[in-house]
Every structure is written in C-alpha cells, then in structure tokens.
Amino acid sequence: SGFNSIGHMDTMSRGRHHIGHYKEGEEFIQNVFHVLSQIFTGKEKSNLAICWLQYEISKVIQCLQAKKKKKLKAQGRKSKKLAKNFLKAAENRNNLSLWKLYAYLEWLLGNADDSRKVFDTALSTAGTGGLRSAQLCSLSLLYAQLEVELLDTIEGAVTSRAVHILTKLTENGPYVPYSGQVLPVNVLKARKTYEHALQDYLSRTPVSDQDRVNDTDQLVNLVGCYALFQYLTVGIDAAVLIYTQASEKLELSDSQKCENTGENSGILNFSTALEAVTLLHTNLLRFHMKMSVYPLNPLREALTEALKRYPSNQSLWRSYIHIQRKSHSASKARRFFDSVTRSTNSLEPWLFAIQAEQMRKKLTEKIQRADFGEIHCTIPETGLTNRIVALFEHAVQSENGTHCPLLWRMYLNFMV
C-alpha cells in the first residue's frame, strides 16, 4: 500500500497475512536502542537492557503465535545472542531481572533444560535474601509458574520441582537444584514461614513512601509465591484464601490512602499492587479450570469485579472474553460491557466489546454456512452486523475513540 507501520500493530490481520514487524520500523527501533546504550550508564543502562530484552521476547512470542518455525529459529538466535552479551557486561552479572528474562526466553524457545540451568544458576548466585528479596521472589515465582504449566495433573504435585523452588525460597540458605524429591518436613516449615512473612507484611506500617513502594512490590511477589505453594500442596481453595486476604488488606490501605489526598504517590502504588494480585488470582483460577473440573462462577465473579475497578487492563478483558465464548447467551456479557463503557473513559472496554461481537458473528456464520447434511443454527443470532456497527459508532464518538487510529482502522476493515 506504500505505507509502513513503525514496529508492529499485531491486532489487525489482512487476509492470511498478519501485520508483523516491518523492516524499516524494526531498523528504527534497533537504532534507538543502540544509540541509547552508548549514552546511558549504570542503572539506566541496565534498565534499557531489560526493556530491549522484553522487546526481543515480544517478537519471539509473535513468531510462536503465528506458528512461523523458520522465523522463530532465526529470531531466537538473535535474541539469545543479545541476552548473553548483556549478561557478560560487568554491571549486569548480578542483575536478577535480566537473568529472569534470559531464562524465560530459553523457555519460550522450547529449551526447558537450558532454561532450568539459567534459573538454577541465577538462584544459586543470588545470595540468601529469601522472602525479603523482591527480585529473588519474582525470579522464583516465574520459575515455579513455568514448571507448574508442565504438570499433567495437580495430584502428587507436592514432590514437584515447583514446590522445591518455593520451599527453598523460604530457607534463607544457598539454593540447591532439584534432585527429584521434596521432604514433607520442609513443606511444613515453608508453610509456617510463608504464613508469618505474609502476616508481617500485612500488619507492617511503612515509614516512608519509598518503603511503601518497596513493600507493595514485595507483597505481590510474596502473595504469588505463597498462593502457588498452597495450591500445589493443599488445593485451590487455600490459594484463593491467600489472594482474598491480601486483596482485602490492599483495598483497606488504598481507601485509607485516598482519604489523605495529600499523598498521591502511594495511592497509585496500592492500586497497582491490588491489580497485580487480582491478575495472579484470575490466572490461577483459569489454569485450575484447565487442570480439573471446577465451576465457572468464581472466575466470572472475580473478573467482573476486577474489570469494574481496572477497565483498561487488557489481560483481564482477554480472560473475560475467553470465558464468555463458552456461553451461548450473550445478554449478560453485553449488559456488563454496556455498564463499564458508561462508567469509564477507557477505550479498552469498547475495543473488547467489538471483538467479542465479531467473534460471535464469525461463529454464527461458520455454523450457518455448514454445507453438509441438515443444518441446525445453534445460535439464532440476527442483526449482529448492525450491533457491531452501532458499537463502532458509539466508540468513535467517545473522547478517546475519536483520536484512536486502531479503532478507525478496525471500523474501516469491518465495513469493507
């Protein structure tokens, strides 16, 4: 068409082709990173390396989603080379955030054993901060989450590698790689340690705003590790209880903070922590539903409550649409979308409402166009096109929608 996107806009598809990373856009972004890496020093340079590696990982994920094996191989080689070069630099050798991203990259590329080696190396060299170290908790949480995804069943998970990682985190000693078993006595000790650590964090009154920021970050990681540990050793209800306790405490702190309107920096932080805890909670419920028979209602309630509070969280909307696809009745979801779009200026609810209707339309057409045997239209939907056009019209009239190129392009795309 003569136009190039800078970077990528992966929400649109043209026929069979997905709009990917354009050559010119990619060159521009790489040039920016190279120029900045020569200007920055110290902490800023490390932060830039983290951003750069996150960007490389996003391209790997895109190749995985598009199922492009050749491209994935080439992209994987480039990204790994970059990650290794970062970790060779003296200032990055003990940077756990970079080690974490490198291990995650190896995992995405399907190299589980290499990824485990990276995780184990990072944990072994990280020292003995235990539950007091936010970075160590964050690293252990990701490692355990990835290991849990490999499990076929939750039964017998008590002796799994994930439980070993979460147990070792509480021991404050040097990390020892998994040898195939976890002692029951260590599991009991770990549970007590988690319990006391969580109570300490929930009852603590931070001295300064910086303490408050560090505490809320650490609380999210601690809650994630403890809840996953309880899920693997006791069950889903025990894990949900941890999330509920933490959310109630954060809501209380958030409302107290809002009353003292003079201190704005903290309000944002409690709210961000609460959002992160909510996301961990809903992700665990979704995972558990894949693993075993579990009612849909707890997840639906958790998502609707969370989305009223955080209407611009895309991950929560994706989960909401995913569970609504299983329902043949669209009216409840439509009423919910309608109530959220009325109460917020965020554009996400409009975009996801449109996406949900477009998916419904696609499904209906697929069923109605079945060209064999007797056709039963299982979802008797009419007027979906008009409904989608009406949603687009309302969305582009909203203040944010008027200035959103993506929305206009989706509207044009739909009309074509």
Protein backbone atom coordinates (compact mmCIF):
# COMPACT_ATOMS: atom_id res chain seq x y z
CA SER A 1 0.00 0.00 0.00
CA GLY A 2 3.03 2.28 0.18
CA PHE A 3 2.67 2.74 3.95
CA ASN A 4 4.73 1.09 6.65
CA SER A 5 3.86 0.73 10.32
CA ILE A 6 6.64 1.59 12.69
CA GLY A 7 7.27 -1.58 14.72
CA HIS A 8 4.13 -3.65 14.57
CA MET A 9 0.39 -3.49 15.01
CA ASP A 10 -0.45 -7.12 15.63
CA THR A 11 -4.13 -6.59 16.38
CA MET A 12 -5.06 -6.35 12.70
CA SER A 13 -4.93 -9.13 10.14
CA ARG A 14 -5.01 -8.81 6.35
CA GLY A 15 -6.28 -11.98 4.77
CA ARG A 16 -3.81 -14.73 5.59
CA HIS A 17 -1.03 -12.27 6.40
CA HIS A 18 -0.55 -10.92 9.89
CA ILE A 19 0.89 -7.43 10.05
CA GLY A 20 4.29 -8.10 11.55
CA HIS A 21 7.48 -6.14 12.13
CA TYR A 22 8.27 -4.02 9.10
CA LYS A 23 11.90 -3.80 8.06
CA GLU A 24 12.11 0.00 8.31
CA GLY A 25 10.27 0.15 11.60
CA GLU A 26 12.44 -2.59 13.05
CA GLU A 27 15.63 -0.77 11.90
CA PHE A 28 14.43 2.44 13.53
CA ILE A 29 13.76 0.73 16.88
CA GLN A 30 17.12 -1.09 16.82
CA ASN A 31 18.91 2.21 16.07
CA VAL A 32 17.20 3.90 19.04
CA PHE A 33 18.33 1.08 21.36
CA HIS A 34 21.92 1.18 20.02
CA VAL A 35 22.23 4.98 20.36
CA LEU A 36 20.78 4.99 23.88
CA SER A 37 23.01 2.14 25.07
CA GLN A 38 26.06 4.30 24.23
CA ILE A 39 24.67 7.31 26.13
CA PHE A 40 23.37 5.62 29.28
CA THR A 41 25.49 4.33 32.15
CA GLY A 42 24.95 2.39 35.38
CA LYS A 43 21.33 1.77 36.48
CA GLU A 44 19.82 3.45 33.39
CA LYS A 45 21.87 1.20 31.09
CA SER A 46 20.67 -1.91 32.97
CA ASN A 47 17.05 -0.73 32.72
CA LEU A 48 17.49 -0.15 28.98
CA ALA A 49 18.89 -3.70 28.61
CA ILE A 50 15.75 -5.04 30.38
CA CYS A 51 13.45 -3.06 28.01
CA TRP A 52 15.43 -4.23 24.98
CA LEU A 53 15.23 -7.87 26.01
CA GLN A 54 11.49 -7.56 26.74
CA TYR A 55 11.04 -6.19 23.20
CA GLU A 56 13.00 -9.16 21.76
CA ILE A 57 10.83 -11.57 23.78
CA SER A 58 7.67 -9.91 22.39
CA LYS A 59 8.93 -10.74 18.86
CA VAL A 60 9.58 -14.37 19.86
CA ILE A 61 6.03 -14.61 21.25
CA GLN A 62 4.70 -13.15 17.98
CA CYS A 63 6.54 -15.84 15.97
CA LEU A 64 5.12 -18.52 18.30
CA GLN A 65 1.56 -17.21 17.86
CA ALA A 66 1.92 -17.05 14.07
CA LYS A 67 3.47 -20.59 14.11
CA LYS A 68 6.39 -19.46 11.92
CA LYS A 69 9.06 -22.06 12.76
CA LYS A 70 11.80 -20.73 10.45
CA LYS A 71 11.37 -17.17 11.62
CA LEU A 72 11.24 -18.32 15.25
CA LYS A 73 14.59 -20.09 14.91
CA ALA A 74 16.29 -17.02 13.44
CA GLN A 75 14.67 -14.66 15.94
CA GLY A 76 15.60 -16.99 18.81
CA ARG A 77 19.28 -16.99 17.79
CA LYS A 78 19.38 -13.18 17.60
CA SER A 79 17.58 -12.70 20.93
CA LYS A 80 19.78 -15.24 22.77
CA LYS A 81 22.96 -13.62 21.44
CA LEU A 82 21.76 -10.22 22.67
CA ALA A 83 20.82 -11.62 26.11
CA LYS A 84 24.23 -13.31 26.52
CA ASN A 85 26.04 -10.09 25.56
CA PHE A 86 24.05 -8.17 28.20
CA LEU A 87 24.89 -10.71 30.90
CA LYS A 88 28.62 -10.61 30.02
CA ALA A 89 28.75 -6.91 30.97
CA ALA A 90 30.20 -6.45 34.48
CA GLU A 91 27.31 -4.26 35.70
CA ASN A 92 24.69 -6.87 34.70
CA ARG A 93 26.21 -10.06 36.10
CA ASN A 94 24.15 -9.90 39.29
CA ASN A 95 21.06 -8.36 37.70
CA LEU A 96 18.34 -10.91 38.53
CA SER A 97 15.78 -9.20 36.26
CA LEU A 98 17.99 -9.84 33.23
CA TRP A 99 18.71 -13.44 34.28
CA LYS A 100 14.96 -13.94 34.67
CA LEU A 101 14.25 -12.64 31.13
CA TYR A 102 17.04 -14.78 29.62
CA ALA A 103 15.67 -17.92 31.35
CA TYR A 104 12.14 -17.06 30.15
CA LEU A 105 13.45 -16.59 26.58
CA GLU A 106 15.04 -20.06 26.64
CA TRP A 107 11.75 -21.49 27.95
CA LEU A 108 9.72 -19.85 25.16
CA LEU A 109 12.11 -21.27 22.57
CA GLY A 110 11.34 -24.76 23.91
CA ASN A 111 14.70 -25.30 25.63
CA ALA A 112 13.31 -26.29 29.05
CA ASP A 113 16.56 -27.88 30.28
CA ASP A 114 18.69 -24.87 29.27
CA SER A 115 16.14 -22.58 30.88
CA ARG A 116 16.31 -24.57 34.14
CA LYS A 117 20.11 -24.28 34.13
CA VAL A 118 19.83 -20.48 33.77
CA PHE A 119 17.21 -20.28 36.56
CA ASP A 120 19.30 -22.53 38.84
CA THR A 121 22.47 -20.52 38.16
CA ALA A 122 20.68 -17.23 38.86
CA LEU A 123 19.16 -18.57 42.12
CA SER A 124 22.48 -20.04 43.25
CA THR A 125 24.37 -16.78 42.74
CA ALA A 126 21.60 -14.56 44.09
CA GLY A 127 22.60 -14.91 47.73
CA THR A 128 20.39 -15.70 50.69
CA GLY A 129 17.85 -12.88 50.76
CA GLY A 130 14.94 -15.35 50.82
CA LEU A 131 11.49 -13.83 51.17
CA ARG A 132 12.99 -10.41 51.95
CA SER A 133 14.40 -10.03 48.43
CA ALA A 134 11.77 -8.85 45.92
CA GLN A 135 13.89 -9.88 42.91
CA LEU A 136 14.55 -13.35 44.31
CA CYS A 137 10.82 -13.85 44.98
CA SER A 138 9.95 -12.64 41.48
CA LEU A 139 12.52 -14.99 39.89
CA SER A 140 11.34 -17.99 41.95
CA LEU A 141 7.69 -17.21 41.18
CA LEU A 142 8.22 -17.21 37.39
CA TYR A 143 10.33 -20.40 37.58
CA ALA A 144 7.65 -22.17 39.65
CA GLN A 145 4.81 -20.92 37.38
CA LEU A 146 6.54 -22.26 34.26
CA GLU A 147 7.17 -25.60 35.96
CA VAL A 148 3.53 -25.85 37.07
CA GLU A 149 2.38 -25.38 33.45
CA LEU A 150 4.25 -28.58 32.54
CA LEU A 151 2.34 -30.68 35.10
CA ASP A 152 -0.28 -33.10 33.73
CA THR A 153 -2.18 -33.21 36.99
CA ILE A 154 -2.08 -31.42 40.34
CA GLU A 155 -2.26 -34.71 42.27
CA GLY A 156 1.17 -35.55 43.60
CA ALA A 157 2.46 -32.05 42.83
CA VAL A 158 3.80 -31.88 46.41
CA THR A 159 7.05 -33.51 45.26
CA SER A 160 7.32 -31.46 42.04
CA ARG A 161 10.14 -29.12 41.04
CA ALA A 162 7.82 -26.11 41.54
CA VAL A 163 7.29 -26.99 45.23
CA HIS A 164 11.06 -27.48 45.62
CA ILE A 165 11.71 -23.94 44.26
CA LEU A 166 9.06 -22.33 46.51
CA THR A 167 10.28 -24.30 49.56
CA LYS A 168 13.95 -23.37 49.01
CA LEU A 169 12.95 -19.70 48.81
CA THR A 170 11.84 -19.76 52.46
CA GLU A 171 15.02 -21.37 53.81
CA ASN A 172 17.31 -18.31 53.55
CA GLY A 173 20.20 -20.62 52.65
CA PRO A 174 22.04 -21.17 49.34
CA TYR A 175 19.84 -22.62 46.57
CA VAL A 176 20.29 -26.33 45.79
CA PRO A 177 18.96 -27.61 42.40
CA TYR A 178 16.05 -30.09 42.39
CA SER A 179 17.09 -33.70 42.96
CA GLY A 180 13.71 -35.40 42.44
CA GLN A 181 12.15 -35.20 45.89
CA VAL A 182 10.82 -32.71 48.46
CA LEU A 183 10.77 -33.68 52.15
CA PRO A 184 7.36 -33.32 53.88
CA VAL A 185 9.04 -31.67 56.90
CA ASN A 186 10.47 -28.94 54.61
CA VAL A 187 6.99 -28.32 53.16
CA LEU A 188 5.55 -27.83 56.68
CA LYS A 189 8.37 -25.46 57.66
CA ALA A 190 7.94 -23.49 54.42
CA ARG A 191 4.19 -23.10 55.03
CA LYS A 192 4.84 -21.66 58.50
CA THR A 193 7.50 -19.28 57.12
CA TYR A 194 5.15 -18.04 54.36
CA GLU A 195 2.33 -17.57 56.88
CA HIS A 196 4.48 -15.47 59.24
CA ALA A 197 6.01 -13.45 56.38
CA LEU A 198 2.57 -12.60 54.97
CA GLN A 199 1.22 -11.60 58.40
CA ASP A 200 4.30 -9.37 58.90
CA TYR A 201 3.76 -7.63 55.58
CA LEU A 202 0.03 -7.17 56.13
CA SER A 203 0.47 -5.70 59.61
CA ARG A 204 3.53 -3.56 58.81
CA THR A 205 3.24 0.25 58.76
CA PRO A 206 5.83 1.64 56.34
CA VAL A 207 7.91 4.62 57.48
CA SER A 208 8.44 6.47 54.20
CA ASP A 209 6.86 6.49 50.75
CA GLN A 210 9.89 4.61 49.38
CA ASP A 211 9.29 1.89 51.98
CA ARG A 212 5.68 1.78 50.90
CA VAL A 213 6.65 1.30 47.23
CA ASN A 214 9.15 -1.48 48.08
CA ASP A 215 6.68 -3.16 50.45
CA THR A 216 3.80 -3.30 47.96
CA ASP A 217 6.08 -4.70 45.21
CA GLN A 218 7.38 -7.32 47.59
CA LEU A 219 3.88 -8.13 48.86
CA VAL A 220 2.70 -9.01 45.32
CA ASN A 221 5.63 -11.43 44.82
CA LEU A 222 5.18 -12.93 48.28
CA VAL A 223 1.42 -13.44 47.79
CA GLY A 224 2.08 -15.04 44.36
CA CYS A 225 4.65 -17.49 45.79
CA TYR A 226 2.58 -18.36 48.89
CA ALA A 227 -0.67 -18.85 46.95
CA LEU A 228 1.04 -21.08 44.34
CA PHE A 229 2.70 -23.06 47.14
CA GLN A 230 -0.69 -23.57 48.86
CA TYR A 231 -2.30 -24.51 45.54
CA LEU A 232 0.27 -27.26 44.93
CA THR A 233 0.41 -28.58 48.49
CA VAL A 234 -3.19 -28.08 49.76
CA GLY A 235 -5.55 -27.09 46.93
CA ILE A 236 -7.29 -24.27 45.05
CA ASP A 237 -9.42 -23.07 47.99
CA ALA A 238 -6.33 -22.49 50.17
CA ALA A 239 -4.73 -20.45 47.36
CA VAL A 240 -7.87 -18.33 46.81
CA LEU A 241 -7.96 -17.59 50.55
CA ILE A 242 -4.44 -16.05 50.36
CA TYR A 243 -5.49 -13.81 47.45
CA THR A 244 -8.64 -12.74 49.31
CA GLN A 245 -6.69 -11.80 52.46
CA ALA A 246 -4.11 -9.79 50.51
CA SER A 247 -6.77 -8.02 48.39
CA GLU A 248 -8.79 -7.02 51.46
CA LYS A 249 -5.68 -5.57 53.12
CA LEU A 250 -4.66 -3.67 49.97
CA GLU A 251 -8.21 -2.34 49.47
CA LEU A 252 -8.20 -1.09 53.05
CA SER A 253 -4.80 0.60 52.62
CA ASP A 254 -5.94 2.05 49.30
CA SER A 255 -9.10 3.59 50.80
CA GLN A 256 -7.17 4.98 53.81
CA LYS A 257 -4.64 6.48 51.40
CA CYS A 258 -7.38 8.06 49.31
CA GLU A 259 -8.73 9.85 52.40
CA ASN A 260 -5.32 11.57 52.87
CA THR A 261 -5.47 13.15 49.41
CA GLY A 262 -2.23 14.99 50.03
CA GLU A 263 -0.20 11.81 49.47
CA ASN A 264 -0.81 10.88 45.85
CA SER A 265 2.26 8.74 45.16
CA GLY A 266 1.12 5.90 47.40
CA ILE A 267 -2.46 5.65 46.10
CA LEU A 268 -1.22 4.62 42.70
CA ASN A 269 1.07 2.04 44.21
CA PHE A 270 -1.56 0.24 46.33
CA SER A 271 -3.88 0.25 43.34
CA THR A 272 -1.17 -1.22 41.07
CA ALA A 273 -0.36 -3.92 43.65
CA LEU A 274 -4.05 -4.79 44.01
CA GLU A 275 -4.35 -5.06 40.21
CA ALA A 276 -1.31 -7.38 40.08
CA VAL A 277 -2.72 -9.61 42.86
CA THR A 278 -6.09 -9.75 41.06
CA LEU A 279 -4.36 -10.81 37.84
CA LEU A 280 -2.48 -13.61 39.64
CA HIS A 281 -5.78 -14.73 41.22
CA THR A 282 -7.74 -14.91 37.94
CA ASN A 283 -4.84 -16.59 36.08
CA LEU A 284 -4.65 -19.31 38.73
CA LEU A 285 -8.41 -19.93 38.53
CA ARG A 286 -8.19 -20.19 34.73
CA PHE A 287 -5.29 -22.64 35.00
CA HIS A 288 -7.11 -24.76 37.58
CA MET A 289 -10.17 -24.98 35.30
CA LYS A 290 -7.93 -26.43 32.59
CA MET A 291 -6.49 -28.98 35.01
CA SER A 292 -9.69 -30.21 36.68
CA VAL A 293 -13.45 -29.81 36.92
CA TYR A 294 -14.25 -26.52 38.67
CA PRO A 295 -17.27 -24.17 38.48
CA LEU A 296 -17.01 -21.13 36.20
CA ASN A 297 -18.76 -18.75 38.58
CA PRO A 298 -15.83 -17.88 40.92
CA LEU A 299 -13.72 -16.86 37.92
CA ARG A 300 -16.56 -14.88 36.31
CA GLU A 301 -17.24 -13.01 39.56
CA ALA A 302 -13.55 -12.28 40.14
CA LEU A 303 -13.18 -10.94 36.58
CA THR A 304 -16.30 -8.74 36.63
CA GLU A 305 -15.28 -7.21 39.98
CA ALA A 306 -11.72 -6.62 38.74
CA LEU A 307 -12.82 -5.09 35.43
CA LYS A 308 -15.14 -2.60 37.14
CA ARG A 309 -12.09 -1.44 39.07
CA TYR A 310 -9.49 -1.71 36.26
CA PRO A 311 -11.38 -1.15 32.99
CA SER A 312 -8.18 -0.71 30.95
CA ASN A 313 -6.48 -3.99 31.90
CA GLN A 314 -6.17 -5.92 28.64
CA SER A 315 -5.21 -9.27 30.21
CA LEU A 316 -8.37 -9.27 32.34
CA TRP A 317 -10.54 -8.41 29.30
CA ARG A 318 -8.94 -11.24 27.31
CA SER A 319 -9.76 -13.70 30.08
CA TYR A 320 -13.33 -12.34 30.29
CA ILE A 321 -13.92 -12.76 26.53
CA HIS A 322 -12.38 -16.23 26.68
CA ILE A 323 -14.86 -17.45 29.32
CA GLN A 324 -17.82 -15.69 27.67
CA ARG A 325 -17.16 -17.56 24.40
CA LYS A 326 -18.24 -20.74 26.17
CA SER A 327 -21.63 -19.24 26.96
CA HIS A 328 -24.42 -19.34 24.35
CA SER A 329 -26.18 -16.39 25.96
CA ALA A 330 -24.61 -13.07 25.08
CA SER A 331 -27.02 -10.86 27.04
CA LYS A 332 -25.14 -10.94 30.38
CA ALA A 333 -21.82 -10.00 28.74
CA ARG A 334 -23.50 -7.24 26.70
CA ARG A 335 -25.07 -5.71 29.80
CA PHE A 336 -21.68 -5.83 31.53
CA PHE A 337 -19.86 -4.17 28.61
CA ASP A 338 -22.57 -1.53 28.49
CA SER A 339 -22.27 -0.71 32.22
CA VAL A 340 -18.43 -0.48 32.04
CA THR A 341 -18.38 1.75 28.94
CA ARG A 342 -20.82 4.15 30.65
CA SER A 343 -18.69 4.47 33.78
CA THR A 344 -15.21 4.93 32.27
CA ASN A 345 -13.33 6.92 29.63
CA SER A 346 -11.04 3.96 28.83
CA LEU A 347 -11.17 2.74 25.27
CA GLU A 348 -10.39 -0.92 26.08
CA PRO A 349 -13.99 -1.86 27.03
CA TRP A 350 -15.20 -0.62 23.60
CA LEU A 351 -12.46 -2.46 21.71
CA PHE A 352 -13.11 -5.72 23.57
CA ALA A 353 -16.91 -5.38 23.25
CA ILE A 354 -16.43 -5.08 19.47
CA GLN A 355 -14.03 -8.04 19.43
CA ALA A 356 -16.48 -10.20 21.40
CA GLU A 357 -19.30 -9.45 18.92
CA GLN A 358 -17.04 -10.07 15.92
CA MET A 359 -16.08 -13.48 17.35
CA ARG A 360 -19.76 -14.26 17.86
CA LYS A 361 -20.50 -13.23 14.26
CA LYS A 362 -17.70 -15.44 12.95
CA LEU A 363 -19.01 -18.41 14.94
CA THR A 364 -22.59 -17.85 13.72
CA GLU A 365 -21.50 -17.61 10.07
CA LYS A 366 -19.43 -20.77 10.41
CA ILE A 367 -22.47 -22.70 11.66
CA GLN A 368 -24.90 -21.22 9.14
CA ARG A 369 -22.59 -21.91 6.21
CA ALA A 370 -22.06 -25.59 7.02
CA ASP A 371 -22.54 -27.21 3.60
CA PHE A 372 -23.41 -30.74 4.57
CA GLY A 373 -26.47 -32.52 5.89
CA GLU A 374 -29.21 -30.89 7.90
CA ILE A 375 -28.25 -27.51 9.35
CA HIS A 376 -29.29 -26.59 12.87
CA CYS A 377 -28.49 -22.99 13.67
CA THR A 378 -27.46 -23.48 17.30
CA ILE A 379 -27.06 -19.75 17.98
CA PRO A 380 -30.08 -17.98 16.49
CA GLU A 381 -28.47 -14.53 16.25
CA THR A 382 -29.67 -11.83 13.87
CA GLY A 383 -28.61 -8.25 13.45
CA LEU A 384 -25.05 -8.85 14.64
CA THR A 385 -23.64 -6.67 11.86
CA ASN A 386 -25.88 -3.77 12.91
CA ARG A 387 -24.90 -4.25 16.53
CA ILE A 388 -21.17 -4.13 15.66
CA VAL A 389 -21.62 -1.00 13.51
CA ALA A 390 -23.54 0.66 16.38
CA LEU A 391 -20.69 -0.22 18.79
CA PHE A 392 -18.14 1.29 16.39
CA GLU A 393 -20.27 4.43 16.02
CA HIS A 394 -20.54 4.93 19.79
CA ALA A 395 -16.84 4.16 20.29
CA VAL A 396 -15.59 6.69 17.72
CA GLN A 397 -17.83 9.35 19.25
CA SER A 398 -16.18 8.95 22.66
CA GLU A 399 -13.40 11.39 23.52
CA ASN A 400 -10.57 8.83 23.35
CA GLY A 401 -12.09 6.90 20.46
CA THR A 402 -12.08 9.90 18.12
CA HIS A 403 -8.27 10.01 18.32
CA CYS A 404 -7.57 6.26 18.14
CA PRO A 405 -6.15 5.17 14.73
CA LEU A 406 -6.58 1.48 15.62
CA LEU A 407 -10.32 1.93 16.20
CA TRP A 408 -10.83 3.75 12.89
CA ARG A 409 -8.81 1.13 11.02
CA MET A 410 -10.84 -1.68 12.62
CA TYR A 411 -14.05 0.14 11.65
CA LEU A 412 -12.91 0.57 8.01
CA ASN A 413 -11.73 -3.04 7.94
CA PHE A 414 -15.13 -4.26 9.19
CA MET A 415 -17.10 -2.13 6.70
CA VAL A 416 -15.00 -3.45 3.79
